[in-house]
Every structure is written in C-alpha cells, then in structure tokens.
Amino acid sequence: MTLLAILVGTLVAGIGSVWVAAWLSFGILSRYTQHMLSLAAGALMATSFLHLLPEAFESEAGAHQLFLTLLLGLVFFFLLDKAELWHHGHEHSHDHGHDHGHDHGHHAHHGHEHASHGADSDESPRGQWAVLAGDSVHCFGDGILIASAFIADMRLGVIAALAVLAHEVPHHMGDLAVLRQGSSSRRAAIVKVSMAGAITAFGGAVGYVLVDALHDWLPFFLVVASSSFVYVALADLIPQLQKRLSARETAAQIFWLGVGMGMVVLISAVAGHSH
C-alpha cells in the first residue's frame, strides 16, 4: 500500500508539475511565474518547518544530531548548487550571471532564470542534454524524499509530494524555455521534460527499498529532505527579495508566500480529518 502511494505521489509530482509548467509557459498565465515562485517557496518552508522537522524530532534520535544533519544538509545543497552553477555557466556562458544553477545535482534548482535564456537562439543539443540530465538526477532525489515522507506518515507523504510539485513547476518552466530555444518543438520539449520528471517515480521506488531497510535512519532522511526544501525556498526567494521591488510587487510576493504556507496548513487539516 505504501509503495503504491509513493508511486502515485511521485508520478503526480514528477509529471504533473511538467504539465502544469507547460500550461503556464505556453498559456495565458505565463506572466505569473514570479508569483508561482513565491507560492512554491511558502509551500516548501511550511512543509519543512510544520511537518518534516517536527516528525523527525518526535523520534528517538537526539536533537543535537538532527540539527547537525540539518546544517550539513544546507551546506551540502549549497555546494551542489555552486558546482552546478559553475558547470552551467559553461553551457550558457552568455548569461551565467543571472543563472542560479537550475539543473542542480540533487535538489536545489530554480525556475526564475528562464526569462534570461531569450538572448540565446542557438542553444546546442549538448546544453539541452545537460539540462535534462540535471533534471533527471534532481527528480530522482525528489523521489527518495517523497518516499521517506510517505514511509514516516501517509499524510506527510501527500504534503511532501504537493510541495515538490509546487516548486518543480517554475523550474520546469525554465527547462521548457531552454529546450524551446533549441530545435525542439513545443510537444518534443514537453515529452523530454516529462521523461525526466518520470524518474521521480524511480527515485520513489529506490527510496522505498532504502528507507525501509534503514528504518532507524528515517528521522535523518526527513531532516535532509527539510534542508533541501529550505535551501531551495531560500535560494529561490532571497534573490527575488533583494531586488528593489515596488510596494505593490512586494505585497504580491508576501501574499503568494502566505498562500503557499496556507495551502500546506489547509491540506494538512483536511488530510488530518480524513484519517
């Protein structure tokens, strides 16, 4: 039963996010990408601080070790981001100043750079494969995180899957923009990114086997999931917050951040009643 839930959750998060991204990218809602980023950041932070971390700290594991894991997790995702940013700069040397490493090895990558790819019309296939390879590794990581959450608690799994879906949407919008720059048609771009997204389910299956075998380590898996969520949320949000925005834009940002947090609280309440 848990494995089935993991597979459904990972497929919804992995492929559903690509379809929502395509709908936003190629539809009338394309101008709301910034709002999606704020909403996703709110959802990720609320999932971490209200669900994943409390669940981990209610276990037998010591608080000191769990906080150390959280700290090391944040540093680890930051270093991965740095490594991929450098690598990514070679793929898109024209704009790596704007680019925040969106095809990041395990977890932290961002969608807010997708508009900056417009300058490059001769995207090389190699650049596209780098994006898809990074995407695949990332989705695999997402799958393991979702599996950890489902194994800890069914409701937690649902919330984690939805948080991953929310933050993958802006990122996949960036990927679709990069692939569309090359020779890919709209349909081909969606299919390629969907295939990478489907790897989330593979990660979920591997996570199910791993976490089940290492059950005592589950609190640490949950803390690592939290550190990746918090890192992605802050790395996505802080560059936006540091821009000089008008009062209206700032208010919109805070509003959507609140909506993201509110969604998690609401889903949690609804899921809680249905138990």
C-alpha atoms as a PDB file:
ATOM      1  CA  MET A   1       0.000   0.000   0.000  1.00  0.00           C
ATOM      2  CA  THR A   2       2.783   2.417   0.933  1.00  0.00           C
ATOM      3  CA  LEU A   3       4.679   1.596  -2.268  1.00  0.00           C
ATOM      4  CA  LEU A   4       1.560   2.284  -4.348  1.00  0.00           C
ATOM      5  CA  ALA A   5       1.066   5.628  -2.575  1.00  0.00           C
ATOM      6  CA  ILE A   6       4.734   6.502  -3.193  1.00  0.00           C
ATOM      7  CA  LEU A   7       4.447   5.683  -6.909  1.00  0.00           C
ATOM      8  CA  VAL A   8       1.245   7.712  -7.311  1.00  0.00           C
ATOM      9  CA  GLY A   9       2.699  10.626  -5.310  1.00  0.00           C
ATOM     10  CA  THR A  10       5.977  10.671  -7.231  1.00  0.00           C
ATOM     11  CA  LEU A  11       4.275  10.449 -10.643  1.00  0.00           C
ATOM     12  CA  VAL A  12       1.869  13.262  -9.758  1.00  0.00           C
ATOM     13  CA  ALA A  13       4.764  15.423  -8.525  1.00  0.00           C
ATOM     14  CA  GLY A  14       7.155  14.461 -11.329  1.00  0.00           C
ATOM     15  CA  ILE A  15       4.955  14.521 -14.409  1.00  0.00           C
ATOM     16  CA  GLY A  16       2.060  16.637 -13.122  1.00  0.00           C
ATOM     17  CA  SER A  17       4.471  19.511 -12.461  1.00  0.00           C
ATOM     18  CA  VAL A  18       5.696  19.365 -16.094  1.00  0.00           C
ATOM     19  CA  TRP A  19       2.148  19.589 -17.436  1.00  0.00           C
ATOM     20  CA  VAL A  20       1.274  22.477 -15.119  1.00  0.00           C
ATOM     21  CA  ALA A  21       4.536  24.168 -16.201  1.00  0.00           C
ATOM     22  CA  ALA A  22       3.675  23.680 -19.882  1.00  0.00           C
ATOM     23  CA  TRP A  23       0.190  25.093 -19.268  1.00  0.00           C
ATOM     24  CA  LEU A  24       1.695  28.132 -17.525  1.00  0.00           C
ATOM     25  CA  SER A  25       4.559  28.570 -20.018  1.00  0.00           C
ATOM     26  CA  PHE A  26       2.505  28.354 -23.172  1.00  0.00           C
ATOM     27  CA  GLY A  27      -0.782  29.586 -21.789  1.00  0.00           C
ATOM     28  CA  ILE A  28      -2.227  32.895 -20.634  1.00  0.00           C
ATOM     29  CA  LEU A  29      -0.722  32.514 -17.163  1.00  0.00           C
ATOM     30  CA  SER A  30       2.911  32.861 -18.274  1.00  0.00           C
ATOM     31  CA  ARG A  31       3.172  36.286 -16.656  1.00  0.00           C
ATOM     32  CA  TYR A  32       2.510  34.825 -13.197  1.00  0.00           C
ATOM     33  CA  THR A  33       5.775  32.886 -12.904  1.00  0.00           C
ATOM     34  CA  GLN A  34       7.122  35.134 -10.141  1.00  0.00           C
ATOM     35  CA  HIS A  35       4.003  34.531  -8.072  1.00  0.00           C
ATOM     36  CA  MET A  36       4.424  30.780  -8.554  1.00  0.00           C
ATOM     37  CA  LEU A  37       7.959  31.028  -7.155  1.00  0.00           C
ATOM     38  CA  SER A  38       6.745  32.814  -4.025  1.00  0.00           C
ATOM     39  CA  LEU A  39       3.918  30.307  -3.602  1.00  0.00           C
ATOM     40  CA  ALA A  40       6.319  27.372  -4.023  1.00  0.00           C
ATOM     41  CA  ALA A  41       8.785  28.865  -1.522  1.00  0.00           C
ATOM     42  CA  GLY A  42       5.982  29.274   1.036  1.00  0.00           C
ATOM     43  CA  ALA A  43       4.805  25.686   0.487  1.00  0.00           C
ATOM     44  CA  LEU A  44       8.337  24.284   0.849  1.00  0.00           C
ATOM     45  CA  MET A  45       9.108  26.211   4.038  1.00  0.00           C
ATOM     46  CA  ALA A  46       5.779  25.322   5.654  1.00  0.00           C
ATOM     47  CA  THR A  47       6.243  21.639   4.747  1.00  0.00           C
ATOM     48  CA  SER A  48       9.718  21.658   6.302  1.00  0.00           C
ATOM     49  CA  PHE A  49       9.010  23.555   9.493  1.00  0.00           C
ATOM     50  CA  LEU A  50       5.466  22.352  10.213  1.00  0.00           C
ATOM     51  CA  HIS A  51       5.716  18.724   9.090  1.00  0.00           C
ATOM     52  CA  LEU A  52       9.052  17.149   8.192  1.00  0.00           C
ATOM     53  CA  LEU A  53      11.119  18.578  11.062  1.00  0.00           C
ATOM     54  CA  PRO A  54       8.504  18.018  13.819  1.00  0.00           C
ATOM     55  CA  GLU A  55       8.095  14.422  12.577  1.00  0.00           C
ATOM     56  CA  ALA A  56      11.875  13.875  12.732  1.00  0.00           C
ATOM     57  CA  PHE A  57      12.206  15.433  16.193  1.00  0.00           C
ATOM     58  CA  GLU A  58       9.393  13.296  17.629  1.00  0.00           C
ATOM     59  CA  SER A  59      11.576  10.222  17.018  1.00  0.00           C
ATOM     60  CA  GLU A  60      14.171   8.715  19.340  1.00  0.00           C
ATOM     61  CA  ALA A  61      17.016  10.487  17.517  1.00  0.00           C
ATOM     62  CA  GLY A  62      18.830  13.174  19.502  1.00  0.00           C
ATOM     63  CA  ALA A  63      18.103  16.832  18.718  1.00  0.00           C
ATOM     64  CA  HIS A  64      21.821  17.620  18.514  1.00  0.00           C
ATOM     65  CA  GLN A  65      22.442  15.050  15.763  1.00  0.00           C
ATOM     66  CA  LEU A  66      19.330  16.111  13.868  1.00  0.00           C
ATOM     67  CA  PHE A  67      20.311  19.799  13.935  1.00  0.00           C
ATOM     68  CA  LEU A  68      23.813  18.864  12.813  1.00  0.00           C
ATOM     69  CA  THR A  69      22.268  16.896   9.914  1.00  0.00           C
ATOM     70  CA  LEU A  70      20.136  19.931   9.022  1.00  0.00           C
ATOM     71  CA  LEU A  71      23.203  22.203   9.000  1.00  0.00           C
ATOM     72  CA  LEU A  72      25.293  19.769   6.940  1.00  0.00           C
ATOM     73  CA  GLY A  73      22.346  19.272   4.569  1.00  0.00           C
ATOM     74  CA  LEU A  74      22.072  23.014   3.912  1.00  0.00           C
ATOM     75  CA  VAL A  75      25.824  23.282   3.284  1.00  0.00           C
ATOM     76  CA  PHE A  76      25.716  20.204   1.027  1.00  0.00           C
ATOM     77  CA  PHE A  77      22.908  21.605  -1.156  1.00  0.00           C
ATOM     78  CA  PHE A  78      24.667  24.968  -1.304  1.00  0.00           C
ATOM     79  CA  LEU A  79      27.880  23.283  -2.515  1.00  0.00           C
ATOM     80  CA  LEU A  80      25.969  21.244  -5.091  1.00  0.00           C
ATOM     81  CA  ASP A  81      24.388  24.455  -6.306  1.00  0.00           C
ATOM     82  CA  LYS A  82      27.817  26.076  -6.604  1.00  0.00           C
ATOM     83  CA  ALA A  83      29.214  23.112  -8.534  1.00  0.00           C
ATOM     84  CA  GLU A  84      26.290  23.089 -10.950  1.00  0.00           C
ATOM     85  CA  LEU A  85      26.319  26.859 -11.305  1.00  0.00           C
ATOM     86  CA  TRP A  86      29.929  26.683 -12.453  1.00  0.00           C
ATOM     87  CA  HIS A  87      29.141  23.796 -14.795  1.00  0.00           C
ATOM     88  CA  HIS A  88      26.023  25.510 -16.047  1.00  0.00           C
ATOM     89  CA  GLY A  89      27.952  28.707 -16.721  1.00  0.00           C
ATOM     90  CA  HIS A  90      29.847  26.789 -19.404  1.00  0.00           C
ATOM     91  CA  GLU A  91      26.630  25.705 -21.064  1.00  0.00           C
ATOM     92  CA  HIS A  92      25.188  29.220 -21.129  1.00  0.00           C
ATOM     93  CA  SER A  93      28.195  31.470 -20.784  1.00  0.00           C
ATOM     94  CA  HIS A  94      26.202  34.431 -22.107  1.00  0.00           C
ATOM     95  CA  ASP A  95      24.025  34.648 -19.023  1.00  0.00           C
ATOM     96  CA  HIS A  96      25.521  32.648 -16.217  1.00  0.00           C
ATOM     97  CA  GLY A  97      25.470  35.784 -14.093  1.00  0.00           C
ATOM     98  CA  HIS A  98      21.700  35.518 -13.908  1.00  0.00           C
ATOM     99  CA  ASP A  99      21.563  31.797 -13.722  1.00  0.00           C
ATOM    100  CA  HIS A 100      21.115  30.085 -10.388  1.00  0.00           C
ATOM    101  CA  GLY A 101      22.120  26.567 -11.278  1.00  0.00           C
ATOM    102  CA  HIS A 102      18.751  25.245 -12.220  1.00  0.00           C
ATOM    103  CA  ASP A 103      19.736  21.731 -13.148  1.00  0.00           C
ATOM    104  CA  HIS A 104      21.273  21.113  -9.792  1.00  0.00           C
ATOM    105  CA  GLY A 105      22.550  17.720  -8.881  1.00  0.00           C
ATOM    106  CA  HIS A 106      20.138  16.695  -6.199  1.00  0.00           C
ATOM    107  CA  HIS A 107      17.722  19.216  -5.093  1.00  0.00           C
ATOM    108  CA  ALA A 108      18.234  22.898  -5.234  1.00  0.00           C
ATOM    109  CA  HIS A 109      17.449  24.474  -8.518  1.00  0.00           C
ATOM    110  CA  HIS A 110      15.369  27.273  -9.697  1.00  0.00           C
ATOM    111  CA  GLY A 111      12.975  28.456 -12.311  1.00  0.00           C
ATOM    112  CA  HIS A 112      13.469  32.178 -12.088  1.00  0.00           C
ATOM    113  CA  GLU A 113      16.179  32.300 -14.718  1.00  0.00           C
ATOM    114  CA  HIS A 114      14.006  31.050 -17.533  1.00  0.00           C
ATOM    115  CA  ALA A 115      13.384  34.513 -18.931  1.00  0.00           C
ATOM    116  CA  SER A 116      17.092  35.186 -19.274  1.00  0.00           C
ATOM    117  CA  HIS A 117      17.586  32.482 -21.906  1.00  0.00           C
ATOM    118  CA  GLY A 118      15.916  34.616 -24.542  1.00  0.00           C
ATOM    119  CA  ALA A 119      19.245  36.028 -25.691  1.00  0.00           C
ATOM    120  CA  ASP A 120      20.452  32.681 -26.914  1.00  0.00           C
ATOM    121  CA  SER A 121      18.733  31.367 -30.010  1.00  0.00           C
ATOM    122  CA  ASP A 122      21.327  28.768 -30.962  1.00  0.00           C
ATOM    123  CA  GLU A 123      21.003  26.514 -27.936  1.00  0.00           C
ATOM    124  CA  SER A 124      23.209  23.475 -28.518  1.00  0.00           C
ATOM    125  CA  PRO A 125      21.839  19.954 -28.074  1.00  0.00           C
ATOM    126  CA  ARG A 126      24.622  19.447 -25.523  1.00  0.00           C
ATOM    127  CA  GLY A 127      23.204  22.276 -23.446  1.00  0.00           C
ATOM    128  CA  GLN A 128      19.764  20.707 -23.645  1.00  0.00           C
ATOM    129  CA  TRP A 129      21.080  17.322 -22.514  1.00  0.00           C
ATOM    130  CA  ALA A 130      22.859  18.988 -19.593  1.00  0.00           C
ATOM    131  CA  VAL A 131      19.527  20.480 -18.512  1.00  0.00           C
ATOM    132  CA  LEU A 132      17.731  17.118 -18.886  1.00  0.00           C
ATOM    133  CA  ALA A 133      20.490  15.161 -17.121  1.00  0.00           C
ATOM    134  CA  GLY A 134      20.472  17.596 -14.202  1.00  0.00           C
ATOM    135  CA  ASP A 135      16.693  17.426 -14.142  1.00  0.00           C
ATOM    136  CA  SER A 136      16.720  13.630 -14.029  1.00  0.00           C
ATOM    137  CA  VAL A 137      19.163  13.464 -11.119  1.00  0.00           C
ATOM    138  CA  HIS A 138      17.125  16.064  -9.290  1.00  0.00           C
ATOM    139  CA  CYS A 139      13.843  14.219  -9.870  1.00  0.00           C
ATOM    140  CA  PHE A 140      15.445  11.002  -8.614  1.00  0.00           C
ATOM    141  CA  GLY A 141      16.362  12.867  -5.407  1.00  0.00           C
ATOM    142  CA  ASP A 142      12.811  14.211  -5.114  1.00  0.00           C
ATOM    143  CA  GLY A 143      11.511  10.649  -5.392  1.00  0.00           C
ATOM    144  CA  ILE A 144      13.643   9.476  -2.459  1.00  0.00           C
ATOM    145  CA  LEU A 145      12.485  12.446  -0.356  1.00  0.00           C
ATOM    146  CA  ILE A 146       8.809  11.776  -1.138  1.00  0.00           C
ATOM    147  CA  ALA A 147       9.301   8.070  -0.291  1.00  0.00           C
ATOM    148  CA  SER A 148      10.842   8.997   3.093  1.00  0.00           C
ATOM    149  CA  ALA A 149       7.852  11.190   3.886  1.00  0.00           C
ATOM    150  CA  PHE A 150       5.292   8.512   2.893  1.00  0.00           C
ATOM    151  CA  ILE A 151       7.064   5.870   4.984  1.00  0.00           C
ATOM    152  CA  ALA A 152       7.006   8.168   8.023  1.00  0.00           C
ATOM    153  CA  ASP A 153       3.336   9.054   7.610  1.00  0.00           C
ATOM    154  CA  MET A 154       0.826   8.890   4.752  1.00  0.00           C
ATOM    155  CA  ARG A 155      -0.361  12.464   5.313  1.00  0.00           C
ATOM    156  CA  LEU A 156       3.235  13.707   5.393  1.00  0.00           C
ATOM    157  CA  GLY A 157       3.843  11.980   2.053  1.00  0.00           C
ATOM    158  CA  VAL A 158       0.901  13.723   0.412  1.00  0.00           C
ATOM    159  CA  ILE A 159       2.096  17.108   1.679  1.00  0.00           C
ATOM    160  CA  ALA A 160       5.702  16.459   0.561  1.00  0.00           C
ATOM    161  CA  ALA A 161       4.544  15.342  -2.917  1.00  0.00           C
ATOM    162  CA  LEU A 162       2.456  18.519  -3.301  1.00  0.00           C
ATOM    163  CA  ALA A 163       5.331  20.715  -2.073  1.00  0.00           C
ATOM    164  CA  VAL A 164       7.666  19.113  -4.625  1.00  0.00           C
ATOM    165  CA  LEU A 165       5.031  19.624  -7.340  1.00  0.00           C
ATOM    166  CA  ALA A 166       4.709  23.316  -6.411  1.00  0.00           C
ATOM    167  CA  HIS A 167       8.428  24.010  -6.550  1.00  0.00           C
ATOM    168  CA  GLU A 168       9.050  21.935  -9.685  1.00  0.00           C
ATOM    169  CA  VAL A 169       6.582  23.990 -11.734  1.00  0.00           C
ATOM    170  CA  PRO A 170       8.661  27.198 -12.019  1.00  0.00           C
ATOM    171  CA  HIS A 171      11.789  25.132 -12.548  1.00  0.00           C
ATOM    172  CA  HIS A 172      10.240  23.087 -15.366  1.00  0.00           C
ATOM    173  CA  MET A 173       9.096  26.348 -16.949  1.00  0.00           C
ATOM    174  CA  GLY A 174      12.783  27.277 -17.131  1.00  0.00           C
ATOM    175  CA  ASP A 175      13.640  23.914 -18.680  1.00  0.00           C
ATOM    176  CA  LEU A 176      10.891  24.201 -21.286  1.00  0.00           C
ATOM    177  CA  ALA A 177      12.131  27.688 -22.213  1.00  0.00           C
ATOM    178  CA  VAL A 178      15.685  26.351 -22.663  1.00  0.00           C
ATOM    179  CA  LEU A 179      14.527  23.393 -24.783  1.00  0.00           C
ATOM    180  CA  ARG A 180      12.228  25.565 -26.885  1.00  0.00           C
ATOM    181  CA  GLN A 181      15.225  27.793 -27.665  1.00  0.00           C
ATOM    182  CA  GLY A 182      16.782  24.872 -29.493  1.00  0.00           C
ATOM    183  CA  SER A 183      15.246  22.880 -32.305  1.00  0.00           C
ATOM    184  CA  SER A 184      12.656  21.206 -30.064  1.00  0.00           C
ATOM    185  CA  SER A 185       9.025  21.729 -30.899  1.00  0.00           C
ATOM    186  CA  ARG A 186       6.689  22.529 -28.040  1.00  0.00           C
ATOM    187  CA  ARG A 187       5.491  18.913 -27.903  1.00  0.00           C
ATOM    188  CA  ALA A 188       9.048  17.486 -28.025  1.00  0.00           C
ATOM    189  CA  ALA A 189      10.116  19.819 -25.203  1.00  0.00           C
ATOM    190  CA  ILE A 190       7.180  18.695 -23.030  1.00  0.00           C
ATOM    191  CA  VAL A 191       7.884  15.000 -23.753  1.00  0.00           C
ATOM    192  CA  LYS A 192      11.613  15.342 -22.909  1.00  0.00           C
ATOM    193  CA  VAL A 193      10.962  17.145 -19.619  1.00  0.00           C
ATOM    194  CA  SER A 194       8.139  14.683 -18.763  1.00  0.00           C
ATOM    195  CA  MET A 195      10.564  11.780 -19.216  1.00  0.00           C
ATOM    196  CA  ALA A 196      12.964  13.410 -16.764  1.00  0.00           C
ATOM    197  CA  GLY A 197      10.013  14.017 -14.407  1.00  0.00           C
ATOM    198  CA  ALA A 198       9.019  10.340 -14.592  1.00  0.00           C
ATOM    199  CA  ILE A 199      12.358   9.465 -12.962  1.00  0.00           C
ATOM    200  CA  THR A 200      10.798  10.800  -9.731  1.00  0.00           C
ATOM    201  CA  ALA A 201       8.860   7.504  -9.566  1.00  0.00           C
ATOM    202  CA  PHE A 202      12.073   5.515  -9.982  1.00  0.00           C
ATOM    203  CA  GLY A 203      13.572   7.528  -7.102  1.00  0.00           C
ATOM    204  CA  GLY A 204      10.438   6.775  -5.081  1.00  0.00           C
ATOM    205  CA  ALA A 205      10.845   3.021  -5.597  1.00  0.00           C
ATOM    206  CA  VAL A 206      14.556   3.138  -4.683  1.00  0.00           C
ATOM    207  CA  GLY A 207      13.694   5.316  -1.673  1.00  0.00           C
ATOM    208  CA  TYR A 208      11.071   2.786  -0.560  1.00  0.00           C
ATOM    209  CA  VAL A 209      13.656  -0.029  -0.547  1.00  0.00           C
ATOM    210  CA  LEU A 210      16.398   2.123   1.021  1.00  0.00           C
ATOM    211  CA  VAL A 211      14.349   3.780   3.755  1.00  0.00           C
ATOM    212  CA  ASP A 212      12.602   0.517   4.594  1.00  0.00           C
ATOM    213  CA  ALA A 213      15.976  -1.200   5.005  1.00  0.00           C
ATOM    214  CA  LEU A 214      17.390   1.715   7.028  1.00  0.00           C
ATOM    215  CA  HIS A 215      14.319   2.396   9.116  1.00  0.00           C
ATOM    216  CA  ASP A 216      16.298   3.740  12.088  1.00  0.00           C
ATOM    217  CA  TRP A 217      17.695   6.425   9.821  1.00  0.00           C
ATOM    218  CA  LEU A 218      14.265   7.719   8.788  1.00  0.00           C
ATOM    219  CA  PRO A 219      14.424  10.856  11.002  1.00  0.00           C
ATOM    220  CA  PHE A 220      17.704  11.759   9.292  1.00  0.00           C
ATOM    221  CA  PHE A 221      16.184  11.237   5.823  1.00  0.00           C
ATOM    222  CA  LEU A 222      13.362  13.594   6.840  1.00  0.00           C
ATOM    223  CA  VAL A 223      15.823  16.228   8.081  1.00  0.00           C
ATOM    224  CA  VAL A 224      17.821  16.017   4.828  1.00  0.00           C
ATOM    225  CA  ALA A 225      14.537  16.436   2.920  1.00  0.00           C
ATOM    226  CA  SER A 226      13.827  19.515   5.063  1.00  0.00           C
ATOM    227  CA  SER A 227      17.260  21.010   4.428  1.00  0.00           C
ATOM    228  CA  SER A 228      16.793  20.627   0.678  1.00  0.00           C
ATOM    229  CA  PHE A 229      13.315  22.204   0.819  1.00  0.00           C
ATOM    230  CA  VAL A 230      14.536  25.107   2.961  1.00  0.00           C
ATOM    231  CA  TYR A 231      17.584  25.659   0.747  1.00  0.00           C
ATOM    232  CA  VAL A 232      15.512  25.681  -2.459  1.00  0.00           C
ATOM    233  CA  ALA A 233      12.919  28.008  -0.903  1.00  0.00           C
ATOM    234  CA  LEU A 234      15.507  30.500   0.305  1.00  0.00           C
ATOM    235  CA  ALA A 235      17.760  30.298  -2.752  1.00  0.00           C
ATOM    236  CA  ASP A 236      14.711  30.945  -4.939  1.00  0.00           C
ATOM    237  CA  LEU A 237      13.220  33.620  -2.755  1.00  0.00           C
ATOM    238  CA  ILE A 238      16.159  35.647  -1.468  1.00  0.00           C
ATOM    239  CA  PRO A 239      17.396  36.783  -4.923  1.00  0.00           C
ATOM    240  CA  GLN A 240      13.840  37.963  -5.619  1.00  0.00           C
ATOM    241  CA  LEU A 241      13.519  39.729  -2.273  1.00  0.00           C
ATOM    242  CA  GLN A 242      16.821  41.526  -2.770  1.00  0.00           C
ATOM    243  CA  LYS A 243      15.618  43.200  -5.946  1.00  0.00           C
ATOM    244  CA  ARG A 244      14.204  46.658  -5.436  1.00  0.00           C
ATOM    245  CA  LEU A 245      10.534  45.995  -5.981  1.00  0.00           C
ATOM    246  CA  SER A 246       7.645  48.418  -5.850  1.00  0.00           C
ATOM    247  CA  ALA A 247       5.423  48.270  -2.759  1.00  0.00           C
ATOM    248  CA  ARG A 248       2.751  46.566  -4.841  1.00  0.00           C
ATOM    249  CA  GLU A 249       5.126  43.857  -6.105  1.00  0.00           C
ATOM    250  CA  THR A 250       6.451  43.273  -2.595  1.00  0.00           C
ATOM    251  CA  ALA A 251       2.904  42.960  -1.267  1.00  0.00           C
ATOM    252  CA  ALA A 252       2.096  40.440  -4.034  1.00  0.00           C
ATOM    253  CA  GLN A 253       5.203  38.454  -3.131  1.00  0.00           C
ATOM    254  CA  ILE A 254       4.276  38.323   0.564  1.00  0.00           C
ATOM    255  CA  PHE A 255       0.678  37.450  -0.351  1.00  0.00           C
ATOM    256  CA  TRP A 256       1.727  34.471  -2.533  1.00  0.00           C
ATOM    257  CA  LEU A 257       4.242  33.338   0.070  1.00  0.00           C
ATOM    258  CA  GLY A 258       1.351  33.310   2.550  1.00  0.00           C
ATOM    259  CA  VAL A 259      -0.858  31.421   0.081  1.00  0.00           C
ATOM    260  CA  GLY A 260       1.844  28.746  -0.254  1.00  0.00           C
ATOM    261  CA  MET A 261       2.068  28.345   3.524  1.00  0.00           C
ATOM    262  CA  GLY A 262      -1.715  28.445   3.912  1.00  0.00           C
ATOM    263  CA  MET A 263      -2.121  25.681   1.312  1.00  0.00           C
ATOM    264  CA  VAL A 264       0.096  23.335   3.330  1.00  0.00           C
ATOM    265  CA  VAL A 265      -1.751  24.099   6.576  1.00  0.00           C
ATOM    266  CA  LEU A 266      -5.109  23.577   4.835  1.00  0.00           C
ATOM    267  CA  ILE A 267      -4.089  20.292   3.152  1.00  0.00           C
ATOM    268  CA  SER A 268      -2.744  19.105   6.486  1.00  0.00           C
ATOM    269  CA  ALA A 269      -6.040  19.923   8.249  1.00  0.00           C
ATOM    270  CA  VAL A 270      -8.130  18.208   5.544  1.00  0.00           C
ATOM    271  CA  ALA A 271      -5.861  15.136   5.472  1.00  0.00           C
ATOM    272  CA  GLY A 272      -5.959  15.041   9.284  1.00  0.00           C
ATOM    273  CA  HIS A 273      -9.764  14.872   9.354  1.00  0.00           C
ATOM    274  CA  SER A 274      -9.893  12.114   6.770  1.00  0.00           C
ATOM    275  CA  HIS A 275      -7.762   9.773   8.914  1.00  0.00           C
END
